[in-house]
């Protein structure tokens, strides 16, 4: 889908940001603003468009952060519902329609949206396409050199595609670890996505893999704080120790207690 939509914006000529206003509706009303932001952010860093892309990633990902938090809550809620979902599948295994109806009732009852994970991706797609268009037609971005890269041309040393694939793999692995019930299906995608990103990064302008890498690093850090840390067990260690001692003391009382209690039983 990403390849197809990116192909819908052919690079027939280069222009300036202001020149995009004279283009079609998409260029004048969407791509223009992304190109303008890249230009403005680059001015902050003395013309460094690579850092401009980083600022754009931080802004975009921060804007959609509430959706990511909603996705996180939805994932946790789905995990809690797994026993009930399994029971419904077993009960209505011969009636697919009834199974779907009961699933929808379960989702509505617990206010869970199984498609919540798709929203961040759907929002990022037009941003990605507009960025792709803005990079390919904005001659200032195309001709800019950042580190060893010419942002308008593929990385000649394949370093960027490798990093993009590696960060995609780490991100996918962190996400799949949160859905052990779907680990079988996710395991194949964990390897397919990085390979797909690597292949695309070989031919795409370097600015696009750079955007992916910045976005992946942001997501990895975000997922660490949202998913990576293990939840604290109910209660704490200080409370558990007295309980164990209390159970131990109870057992000793049943068995006759300690030597200090024998004189009491003698007096009674």
C-alpha atoms as a PDB file:
ATOM      1  CA  UNK A   1       0.000   0.000   0.000  1.00  0.00           C
ATOM      2  CA  UNK A   2       2.825   2.378   0.904  1.00  0.00           C
ATOM      3  CA  UNK A   3       4.653   1.629  -2.347  1.00  0.00           C
ATOM      4  CA  UNK A   4       1.470   2.116  -4.370  1.00  0.00           C
ATOM      5  CA  UNK A   5       0.500   5.421  -2.761  1.00  0.00           C
ATOM      6  CA  UNK A   6       4.041   6.729  -2.993  1.00  0.00           C
ATOM      7  CA  UNK A   7       3.991   5.850  -6.672  1.00  0.00           C
ATOM      8  CA  UNK A   8       0.892   7.996  -7.092  1.00  0.00           C
ATOM      9  CA  UNK A   9       3.021  11.100  -6.603  1.00  0.00           C
ATOM     10  CA  UNK A  10       5.473  10.901  -9.499  1.00  0.00           C
ATOM     11  CA  UNK A  11       8.533  13.102  -9.451  1.00  0.00           C
ATOM     12  CA  UNK A  12       8.334  14.853 -12.794  1.00  0.00           C
ATOM     13  CA  UNK A  13      10.098  18.063 -11.798  1.00  0.00           C
ATOM     14  CA  UNK A  14      11.610  19.888  -8.857  1.00  0.00           C
ATOM     15  CA  UNK A  15      10.422  23.167  -7.448  1.00  0.00           C
ATOM     16  CA  UNK A  16      10.585  25.331  -4.347  1.00  0.00           C
ATOM     17  CA  UNK A  17       8.217  25.361  -1.402  1.00  0.00           C
ATOM     18  CA  UNK A  18       6.449  28.436  -2.762  1.00  0.00           C
ATOM     19  CA  UNK A  19       6.227  26.770  -6.159  1.00  0.00           C
ATOM     20  CA  UNK A  20       4.064  24.023  -4.623  1.00  0.00           C
ATOM     21  CA  UNK A  21       1.244  26.556  -4.284  1.00  0.00           C
ATOM     22  CA  UNK A  22       0.852  26.478  -8.052  1.00  0.00           C
ATOM     23  CA  UNK A  23       0.503  22.712  -8.147  1.00  0.00           C
ATOM     24  CA  UNK A  24      -2.572  20.531  -7.774  1.00  0.00           C
ATOM     25  CA  UNK A  25      -4.836  20.390  -4.741  1.00  0.00           C
ATOM     26  CA  UNK A  26      -2.643  17.859  -2.903  1.00  0.00           C
ATOM     27  CA  UNK A  27       0.537  19.871  -3.442  1.00  0.00           C
ATOM     28  CA  UNK A  28      -1.001  23.248  -2.669  1.00  0.00           C
ATOM     29  CA  UNK A  29      -2.988  22.245   0.432  1.00  0.00           C
ATOM     30  CA  UNK A  30      -1.017  19.391   2.012  1.00  0.00           C
ATOM     31  CA  UNK A  31       2.501  18.953   0.644  1.00  0.00           C
ATOM     32  CA  UNK A  32       3.143  22.706   0.768  1.00  0.00           C
ATOM     33  CA  UNK A  33       2.745  22.819   4.557  1.00  0.00           C
ATOM     34  CA  UNK A  34       5.075  19.885   5.159  1.00  0.00           C
ATOM     35  CA  UNK A  35       7.662  21.393   2.851  1.00  0.00           C
ATOM     36  CA  UNK A  36       7.262  24.737   4.627  1.00  0.00           C
ATOM     37  CA  UNK A  37       7.792  23.100   8.030  1.00  0.00           C
ATOM     38  CA  UNK A  38      10.950  21.388   6.780  1.00  0.00           C
ATOM     39  CA  UNK A  39      12.261  24.739   5.554  1.00  0.00           C
ATOM     40  CA  UNK A  40      11.444  26.547   8.804  1.00  0.00           C
ATOM     41  CA  UNK A  41      12.898  23.848  11.041  1.00  0.00           C
ATOM     42  CA  UNK A  42      16.039  23.755   8.901  1.00  0.00           C
ATOM     43  CA  UNK A  43      16.487  27.498   9.503  1.00  0.00           C
ATOM     44  CA  UNK A  44      16.665  26.774  13.238  1.00  0.00           C
ATOM     45  CA  UNK A  45      19.655  24.485  12.639  1.00  0.00           C
ATOM     46  CA  UNK A  46      21.545  26.601  10.102  1.00  0.00           C
ATOM     47  CA  UNK A  47      20.093  24.811   7.085  1.00  0.00           C
ATOM     48  CA  UNK A  48      20.436  21.209   8.370  1.00  0.00           C
ATOM     49  CA  UNK A  49      17.472  19.378   6.835  1.00  0.00           C
ATOM     50  CA  UNK A  50      18.432  16.124   8.548  1.00  0.00           C
ATOM     51  CA  UNK A  51      17.745  17.722  11.934  1.00  0.00           C
ATOM     52  CA  UNK A  52      14.644  19.342  10.469  1.00  0.00           C
ATOM     53  CA  UNK A  53      13.285  15.854   9.717  1.00  0.00           C
ATOM     54  CA  UNK A  54      14.025  14.848  13.323  1.00  0.00           C
ATOM     55  CA  UNK A  55      12.008  17.801  14.668  1.00  0.00           C
ATOM     56  CA  UNK A  56       9.134  16.924  12.327  1.00  0.00           C
ATOM     57  CA  UNK A  57       9.149  13.320  13.596  1.00  0.00           C
ATOM     58  CA  UNK A  58       9.058  14.435  17.238  1.00  0.00           C
ATOM     59  CA  UNK A  59       6.147  16.802  16.553  1.00  0.00           C
ATOM     60  CA  UNK A  60       4.126  14.271  14.551  1.00  0.00           C
ATOM     61  CA  UNK A  61       4.691  11.415  17.001  1.00  0.00           C
ATOM     62  CA  UNK A  62       3.878  13.620  19.982  1.00  0.00           C
ATOM     63  CA  UNK A  63       0.629  14.702  18.347  1.00  0.00           C
ATOM     64  CA  UNK A  64      -0.473  11.092  17.870  1.00  0.00           C
ATOM     65  CA  UNK A  65       0.777  10.042  21.321  1.00  0.00           C
ATOM     66  CA  UNK A  66      -2.773  10.066  22.786  1.00  0.00           C
ATOM     67  CA  UNK A  67      -3.749   7.506  20.135  1.00  0.00           C
ATOM     68  CA  UNK A  68      -0.744   5.368  21.063  1.00  0.00           C
ATOM     69  CA  UNK A  69      -1.764   5.502  24.723  1.00  0.00           C
ATOM     70  CA  UNK A  70      -5.274   4.488  23.712  1.00  0.00           C
ATOM     71  CA  UNK A  71      -3.783   1.614  21.725  1.00  0.00           C
ATOM     72  CA  UNK A  72      -1.774   0.587  24.795  1.00  0.00           C
ATOM     73  CA  UNK A  73      -4.886   0.539  26.985  1.00  0.00           C
ATOM     74  CA  UNK A  74      -6.791  -1.384  24.324  1.00  0.00           C
ATOM     75  CA  UNK A  75      -4.003  -3.979  24.114  1.00  0.00           C
ATOM     76  CA  UNK A  76      -4.035  -4.474  27.882  1.00  0.00           C
ATOM     77  CA  UNK A  77      -7.825  -4.762  27.888  1.00  0.00           C
ATOM     78  CA  UNK A  78      -7.699  -7.337  25.071  1.00  0.00           C
ATOM     79  CA  UNK A  79      -5.204  -9.400  27.049  1.00  0.00           C
ATOM     80  CA  UNK A  80      -7.537  -9.474  30.041  1.00  0.00           C
ATOM     81  CA  UNK A  81     -10.407 -10.595  27.800  1.00  0.00           C
ATOM     82  CA  UNK A  82      -8.491 -13.515  26.284  1.00  0.00           C
ATOM     83  CA  UNK A  83     -10.057 -16.188  28.588  1.00  0.00           C
ATOM     84  CA  UNK A  84     -13.581 -14.971  27.778  1.00  0.00           C
ATOM     85  CA  UNK A  85     -12.781 -14.728  24.066  1.00  0.00           C
ATOM     86  CA  UNK A  86     -11.422 -18.268  24.101  1.00  0.00           C
ATOM     87  CA  UNK A  87     -14.572 -19.491  25.839  1.00  0.00           C
ATOM     88  CA  UNK A  88     -16.758 -17.826  23.182  1.00  0.00           C
ATOM     89  CA  UNK A  89     -14.719 -19.402  20.364  1.00  0.00           C
ATOM     90  CA  UNK A  90     -15.077 -22.839  21.906  1.00  0.00           C
ATOM     91  CA  UNK A  91     -18.782 -22.413  22.666  1.00  0.00           C
ATOM     92  CA  UNK A  92     -19.690 -21.172  19.167  1.00  0.00           C
ATOM     93  CA  UNK A  93     -16.987 -22.902  17.143  1.00  0.00           C
ATOM     94  CA  UNK A  94     -19.613 -24.214  14.717  1.00  0.00           C
ATOM     95  CA  UNK A  95     -21.475 -20.902  14.377  1.00  0.00           C
ATOM     96  CA  UNK A  96     -19.182 -18.154  13.071  1.00  0.00           C
ATOM     97  CA  UNK A  97     -21.916 -15.544  12.950  1.00  0.00           C
ATOM     98  CA  UNK A  98     -22.956 -16.106  16.545  1.00  0.00           C
ATOM     99  CA  UNK A  99     -19.305 -16.092  17.566  1.00  0.00           C
ATOM    100  CA  UNK A 100     -18.794 -12.668  15.987  1.00  0.00           C
ATOM    101  CA  UNK A 101     -21.954 -11.318  17.620  1.00  0.00           C
ATOM    102  CA  UNK A 102     -20.817 -12.468  21.059  1.00  0.00           C
ATOM    103  CA  UNK A 103     -17.370 -11.018  20.461  1.00  0.00           C
ATOM    104  CA  UNK A 104     -18.864  -7.633  19.571  1.00  0.00           C
ATOM    105  CA  UNK A 105     -21.031  -7.731  22.698  1.00  0.00           C
ATOM    106  CA  UNK A 106     -17.934  -8.500  24.757  1.00  0.00           C
ATOM    107  CA  UNK A 107     -16.028  -5.600  23.187  1.00  0.00           C
ATOM    108  CA  UNK A 108     -18.935  -3.206  23.752  1.00  0.00           C
ATOM    109  CA  UNK A 109     -19.418  -4.362  27.338  1.00  0.00           C
ATOM    110  CA  UNK A 110     -15.782  -3.677  28.197  1.00  0.00           C
ATOM    111  CA  UNK A 111     -15.454  -0.677  25.816  1.00  0.00           C
ATOM    112  CA  UNK A 112     -12.618  -2.256  23.850  1.00  0.00           C
ATOM    113  CA  UNK A 113     -11.865  -1.422  20.223  1.00  0.00           C
ATOM    114  CA  UNK A 114      -9.883  -4.242  18.523  1.00  0.00           C
ATOM    115  CA  UNK A 115      -8.986  -1.861  15.671  1.00  0.00           C
ATOM    116  CA  UNK A 116      -7.431   0.796  17.916  1.00  0.00           C
ATOM    117  CA  UNK A 117      -3.954  -0.264  16.837  1.00  0.00           C
ATOM    118  CA  UNK A 118      -4.695   0.740  13.226  1.00  0.00           C
ATOM    119  CA  UNK A 119      -5.457   4.392  13.936  1.00  0.00           C
ATOM    120  CA  UNK A 120      -1.852   5.601  14.446  1.00  0.00           C
ATOM    121  CA  UNK A 121      -0.809   3.885  11.205  1.00  0.00           C
ATOM    122  CA  UNK A 122      -3.719   5.364   9.230  1.00  0.00           C
ATOM    123  CA  UNK A 123      -2.881   8.846  10.466  1.00  0.00           C
ATOM    124  CA  UNK A 124       0.805   8.494   9.630  1.00  0.00           C
ATOM    125  CA  UNK A 125       0.173   7.280   6.084  1.00  0.00           C
ATOM    126  CA  UNK A 126      -0.868  10.643   4.559  1.00  0.00           C
ATOM    127  CA  UNK A 127       1.947  12.297   6.522  1.00  0.00           C
ATOM    128  CA  UNK A 128       4.440   9.848   5.063  1.00  0.00           C
ATOM    129  CA  UNK A 129       3.115  10.354   1.533  1.00  0.00           C
ATOM    130  CA  UNK A 130       3.150  14.159   1.878  1.00  0.00           C
ATOM    131  CA  UNK A 131       6.680  14.007   3.254  1.00  0.00           C
ATOM    132  CA  UNK A 132       7.762  11.777   0.374  1.00  0.00           C
ATOM    133  CA  UNK A 133       6.315  14.230  -2.110  1.00  0.00           C
ATOM    134  CA  UNK A 134       7.785  17.228  -0.325  1.00  0.00           C
ATOM    135  CA  UNK A 135      11.258  15.699  -0.323  1.00  0.00           C
ATOM    136  CA  UNK A 136      11.214  14.619  -3.941  1.00  0.00           C
ATOM    137  CA  UNK A 137      10.010  17.933  -5.375  1.00  0.00           C
ATOM    138  CA  UNK A 138      11.683  20.392  -2.977  1.00  0.00           C
ATOM    139  CA  UNK A 139      15.035  21.044  -4.611  1.00  0.00           C
ATOM    140  CA  UNK A 140      16.514  22.435  -1.381  1.00  0.00           C
ATOM    141  CA  UNK A 141      15.905  19.136   0.405  1.00  0.00           C
ATOM    142  CA  UNK A 142      16.942  17.008  -2.562  1.00  0.00           C
ATOM    143  CA  UNK A 143      20.298  18.712  -2.909  1.00  0.00           C
ATOM    144  CA  UNK A 144      21.057  18.944   0.804  1.00  0.00           C
ATOM    145  CA  UNK A 145      23.884  16.834   2.293  1.00  0.00           C
ATOM    146  CA  UNK A 146      23.477  15.491   5.830  1.00  0.00           C
ATOM    147  CA  UNK A 147      26.365  13.457   7.277  1.00  0.00           C
ATOM    148  CA  UNK A 148      27.416  11.215   4.375  1.00  0.00           C
ATOM    149  CA  UNK A 149      23.969  11.357   2.769  1.00  0.00           C
ATOM    150  CA  UNK A 150      22.469  13.308  -0.056  1.00  0.00           C
ATOM    151  CA  UNK A 151      18.858  13.460   1.114  1.00  0.00           C
ATOM    152  CA  UNK A 152      17.411  13.308  -2.396  1.00  0.00           C
ATOM    153  CA  UNK A 153      19.334  10.136  -3.349  1.00  0.00           C
ATOM    154  CA  UNK A 154      19.570   6.603  -1.892  1.00  0.00           C
ATOM    155  CA  UNK A 155      22.316   5.825   0.609  1.00  0.00           C
ATOM    156  CA  UNK A 156      25.277   4.583  -1.488  1.00  0.00           C
ATOM    157  CA  UNK A 157      26.759   2.626   1.441  1.00  0.00           C
ATOM    158  CA  UNK A 158      23.512   0.860   2.519  1.00  0.00           C
ATOM    159  CA  UNK A 159      24.061   1.983   6.104  1.00  0.00           C
ATOM    160  CA  UNK A 160      20.702   3.723   6.359  1.00  0.00           C
ATOM    161  CA  UNK A 161      18.662   0.739   5.044  1.00  0.00           C
ATOM    162  CA  UNK A 162      20.382  -1.573   7.549  1.00  0.00           C
ATOM    163  CA  UNK A 163      19.679   0.744  10.493  1.00  0.00           C
ATOM    164  CA  UNK A 164      16.080   1.237   9.322  1.00  0.00           C
ATOM    165  CA  UNK A 165      15.551  -2.536   9.118  1.00  0.00           C
ATOM    166  CA  UNK A 166      17.204  -3.144  12.503  1.00  0.00           C
ATOM    167  CA  UNK A 167      15.152  -0.529  14.336  1.00  0.00           C
ATOM    168  CA  UNK A 168      11.988  -1.854  12.657  1.00  0.00           C
ATOM    169  CA  UNK A 169      12.826  -5.365  13.904  1.00  0.00           C
ATOM    170  CA  UNK A 170      13.383  -4.129  17.476  1.00  0.00           C
ATOM    171  CA  UNK A 171      10.125  -2.199  17.391  1.00  0.00           C
ATOM    172  CA  UNK A 172       8.186  -5.212  16.028  1.00  0.00           C
ATOM    173  CA  UNK A 173       9.719  -7.536  18.612  1.00  0.00           C
ATOM    174  CA  UNK A 174       8.733  -5.220  21.467  1.00  0.00           C
ATOM    175  CA  UNK A 175       5.165  -5.062  20.181  1.00  0.00           C
ATOM    176  CA  UNK A 176       4.827  -8.813  19.619  1.00  0.00           C
ATOM    177  CA  UNK A 177       6.061  -9.497  23.150  1.00  0.00           C
ATOM    178  CA  UNK A 178       2.924  -7.746  24.421  1.00  0.00           C
ATOM    179  CA  UNK A 179       0.623 -10.113  22.503  1.00  0.00           C
ATOM    180  CA  UNK A 180       1.792 -13.648  23.352  1.00  0.00           C
ATOM    181  CA  UNK A 181      -1.538 -15.098  22.235  1.00  0.00           C
ATOM    182  CA  UNK A 182      -0.754 -13.896  18.682  1.00  0.00           C
ATOM    183  CA  UNK A 183       2.948 -14.725  18.793  1.00  0.00           C
ATOM    184  CA  UNK A 184       2.654 -17.343  16.044  1.00  0.00           C
ATOM    185  CA  UNK A 185       1.167 -14.895  13.553  1.00  0.00           C
ATOM    186  CA  UNK A 186       3.396 -12.016  14.627  1.00  0.00           C
ATOM    187  CA  UNK A 187       6.602 -14.029  14.413  1.00  0.00           C
ATOM    188  CA  UNK A 188       6.578 -14.081  10.613  1.00  0.00           C
ATOM    189  CA  UNK A 189       5.734 -10.378  10.378  1.00  0.00           C
ATOM    190  CA  UNK A 190       8.632  -9.578  12.701  1.00  0.00           C
ATOM    191  CA  UNK A 191      10.982 -10.635   9.904  1.00  0.00           C
ATOM    192  CA  UNK A 192       8.881  -9.571   6.901  1.00  0.00           C
ATOM    193  CA  UNK A 193       8.569  -5.911   7.922  1.00  0.00           C
ATOM    194  CA  UNK A 194      12.313  -5.291   8.407  1.00  0.00           C
ATOM    195  CA  UNK A 195      13.094  -6.961   5.077  1.00  0.00           C
ATOM    196  CA  UNK A 196      10.405  -4.858   3.364  1.00  0.00           C
ATOM    197  CA  UNK A 197      11.761  -1.661   4.911  1.00  0.00           C
ATOM    198  CA  UNK A 198      15.307  -2.611   3.889  1.00  0.00           C
ATOM    199  CA  UNK A 199      14.317  -3.246   0.270  1.00  0.00           C
ATOM    200  CA  UNK A 200      12.382   0.030   0.005  1.00  0.00           C
ATOM    201  CA  UNK A 201      15.162   2.008   1.684  1.00  0.00           C
ATOM    202  CA  UNK A 202      17.594   0.830  -0.983  1.00  0.00           C
ATOM    203  CA  UNK A 203      15.809   2.823  -3.676  1.00  0.00           C
ATOM    204  CA  UNK A 204      14.019   5.596  -1.767  1.00  0.00           C
ATOM    205  CA  UNK A 205      15.624   9.020  -1.205  1.00  0.00           C
ATOM    206  CA  UNK A 206      17.760   8.923   1.951  1.00  0.00           C
ATOM    207  CA  UNK A 207      15.433  11.378   3.707  1.00  0.00           C
ATOM    208  CA  UNK A 208      12.704   8.717   3.876  1.00  0.00           C
ATOM    209  CA  UNK A 209      14.739   6.000   5.652  1.00  0.00           C
ATOM    210  CA  UNK A 210      16.059   8.767   7.893  1.00  0.00           C
ATOM    211  CA  UNK A 211      12.461   9.615   8.786  1.00  0.00           C
ATOM    212  CA  UNK A 212      11.759   5.911   9.495  1.00  0.00           C
ATOM    213  CA  UNK A 213      14.808   5.609  11.738  1.00  0.00           C
ATOM    214  CA  UNK A 214      13.919   8.689  13.781  1.00  0.00           C
ATOM    215  CA  UNK A 215      10.322   7.480  14.027  1.00  0.00           C
ATOM    216  CA  UNK A 216      11.392   3.950  15.035  1.00  0.00           C
ATOM    217  CA  UNK A 217      13.725   5.244  17.742  1.00  0.00           C
ATOM    218  CA  UNK A 218      10.941   7.439  19.101  1.00  0.00           C
ATOM    219  CA  UNK A 219       8.607   4.412  19.121  1.00  0.00           C
ATOM    220  CA  UNK A 220      11.186   2.143  20.781  1.00  0.00           C
ATOM    221  CA  UNK A 221      11.691   4.619  23.615  1.00  0.00           C
ATOM    222  CA  UNK A 222       7.941   5.132  23.888  1.00  0.00           C
ATOM    223  CA  UNK A 223       7.263   1.385  23.978  1.00  0.00           C
ATOM    224  CA  UNK A 224       9.920   0.895  26.626  1.00  0.00           C
ATOM    225  CA  UNK A 225       8.071   3.194  29.000  1.00  0.00           C
ATOM    226  CA  UNK A 226       4.643   1.882  27.986  1.00  0.00           C
ATOM    227  CA  UNK A 227       5.354  -1.850  27.609  1.00  0.00           C
ATOM    228  CA  UNK A 228       8.951  -2.610  28.515  1.00  0.00           C
ATOM    229  CA  UNK A 229       8.852  -2.224  32.267  1.00  0.00           C
ATOM    230  CA  UNK A 230       7.311  -5.197  34.047  1.00  0.00           C
ATOM    231  CA  UNK A 231       4.222  -4.351  36.074  1.00  0.00           C
ATOM    232  CA  UNK A 232       4.619  -4.452  39.832  1.00  0.00           C
ATOM    233  CA  UNK A 233       3.017  -7.478  41.489  1.00  0.00           C
ATOM    234  CA  UNK A 234       0.004  -6.893  43.658  1.00  0.00           C
ATOM    235  CA  UNK A 235       1.109  -5.957  47.134  1.00  0.00           C
ATOM    236  CA  UNK A 236       4.787  -5.633  47.967  1.00  0.00           C
ATOM    237  CA  UNK A 237       7.541  -7.711  49.380  1.00  0.00           C
ATOM    238  CA  UNK A 238       7.265  -6.178  52.827  1.00  0.00           C
ATOM    239  CA  UNK A 239       3.676  -7.347  53.162  1.00  0.00           C
ATOM    240  CA  UNK A 240       4.385 -10.821  51.864  1.00  0.00           C
ATOM    241  CA  UNK A 241       7.069 -11.612  54.474  1.00  0.00           C
ATOM    242  CA  UNK A 242       4.827 -11.078  57.530  1.00  0.00           C
ATOM    243  CA  UNK A 243       2.133 -13.222  55.885  1.00  0.00           C
ATOM    244  CA  UNK A 244       4.609 -16.057  55.459  1.00  0.00           C
ATOM    245  CA  UNK A 245       5.760 -15.666  59.068  1.00  0.00           C
ATOM    246  CA  UNK A 246       2.163 -15.625  60.244  1.00  0.00           C
ATOM    247  CA  UNK A 247       1.451 -18.850  58.377  1.00  0.00           C
ATOM    248  CA  UNK A 248       4.619 -20.307  59.816  1.00  0.00           C
ATOM    249  CA  UNK A 249       3.650 -19.284  63.354  1.00  0.00           C
ATOM    250  CA  UNK A 250       0.237 -20.786  62.842  1.00  0.00           C
ATOM    251  CA  UNK A 251       1.757 -24.123  61.892  1.00  0.00           C
ATOM    252  CA  UNK A 252       4.003 -24.104  64.979  1.00  0.00           C
ATOM    253  CA  UNK A 253       1.012 -23.434  67.233  1.00  0.00           C
ATOM    254  CA  UNK A 254      -0.843 -26.382  65.787  1.00  0.00           C
ATOM    255  CA  UNK A 255       2.180 -28.571  66.337  1.00  0.00           C
ATOM    256  CA  UNK A 256       2.436 -27.692  70.019  1.00  0.00           C
ATOM    257  CA  UNK A 257       4.225 -24.319  69.837  1.00  0.00           C
ATOM    258  CA  UNK A 258       7.689 -23.564  71.227  1.00  0.00           C
ATOM    259  CA  UNK A 259       9.258 -24.507  74.533  1.00  0.00           C
ATOM    260  CA  UNK A 260       8.214 -21.260  76.152  1.00  0.00           C
ATOM    261  CA  UNK A 261       4.514 -22.186  75.900  1.00  0.00           C
ATOM    262  CA  UNK A 262       4.844 -25.526  77.754  1.00  0.00           C
ATOM    263  CA  UNK A 263       4.762 -24.013  81.258  1.00  0.00           C
ATOM    264  CA  UNK A 264       1.417 -22.347  80.403  1.00  0.00           C
ATOM    265  CA  UNK A 265      -0.138 -25.662  79.442  1.00  0.00           C
ATOM    266  CA  UNK A 266       1.252 -27.185  82.643  1.00  0.00           C
ATOM    267  CA  UNK A 267      -0.302 -24.468  84.860  1.00  0.00           C
ATOM    268  CA  UNK A 268      -3.668 -24.903  83.096  1.00  0.00           C
END
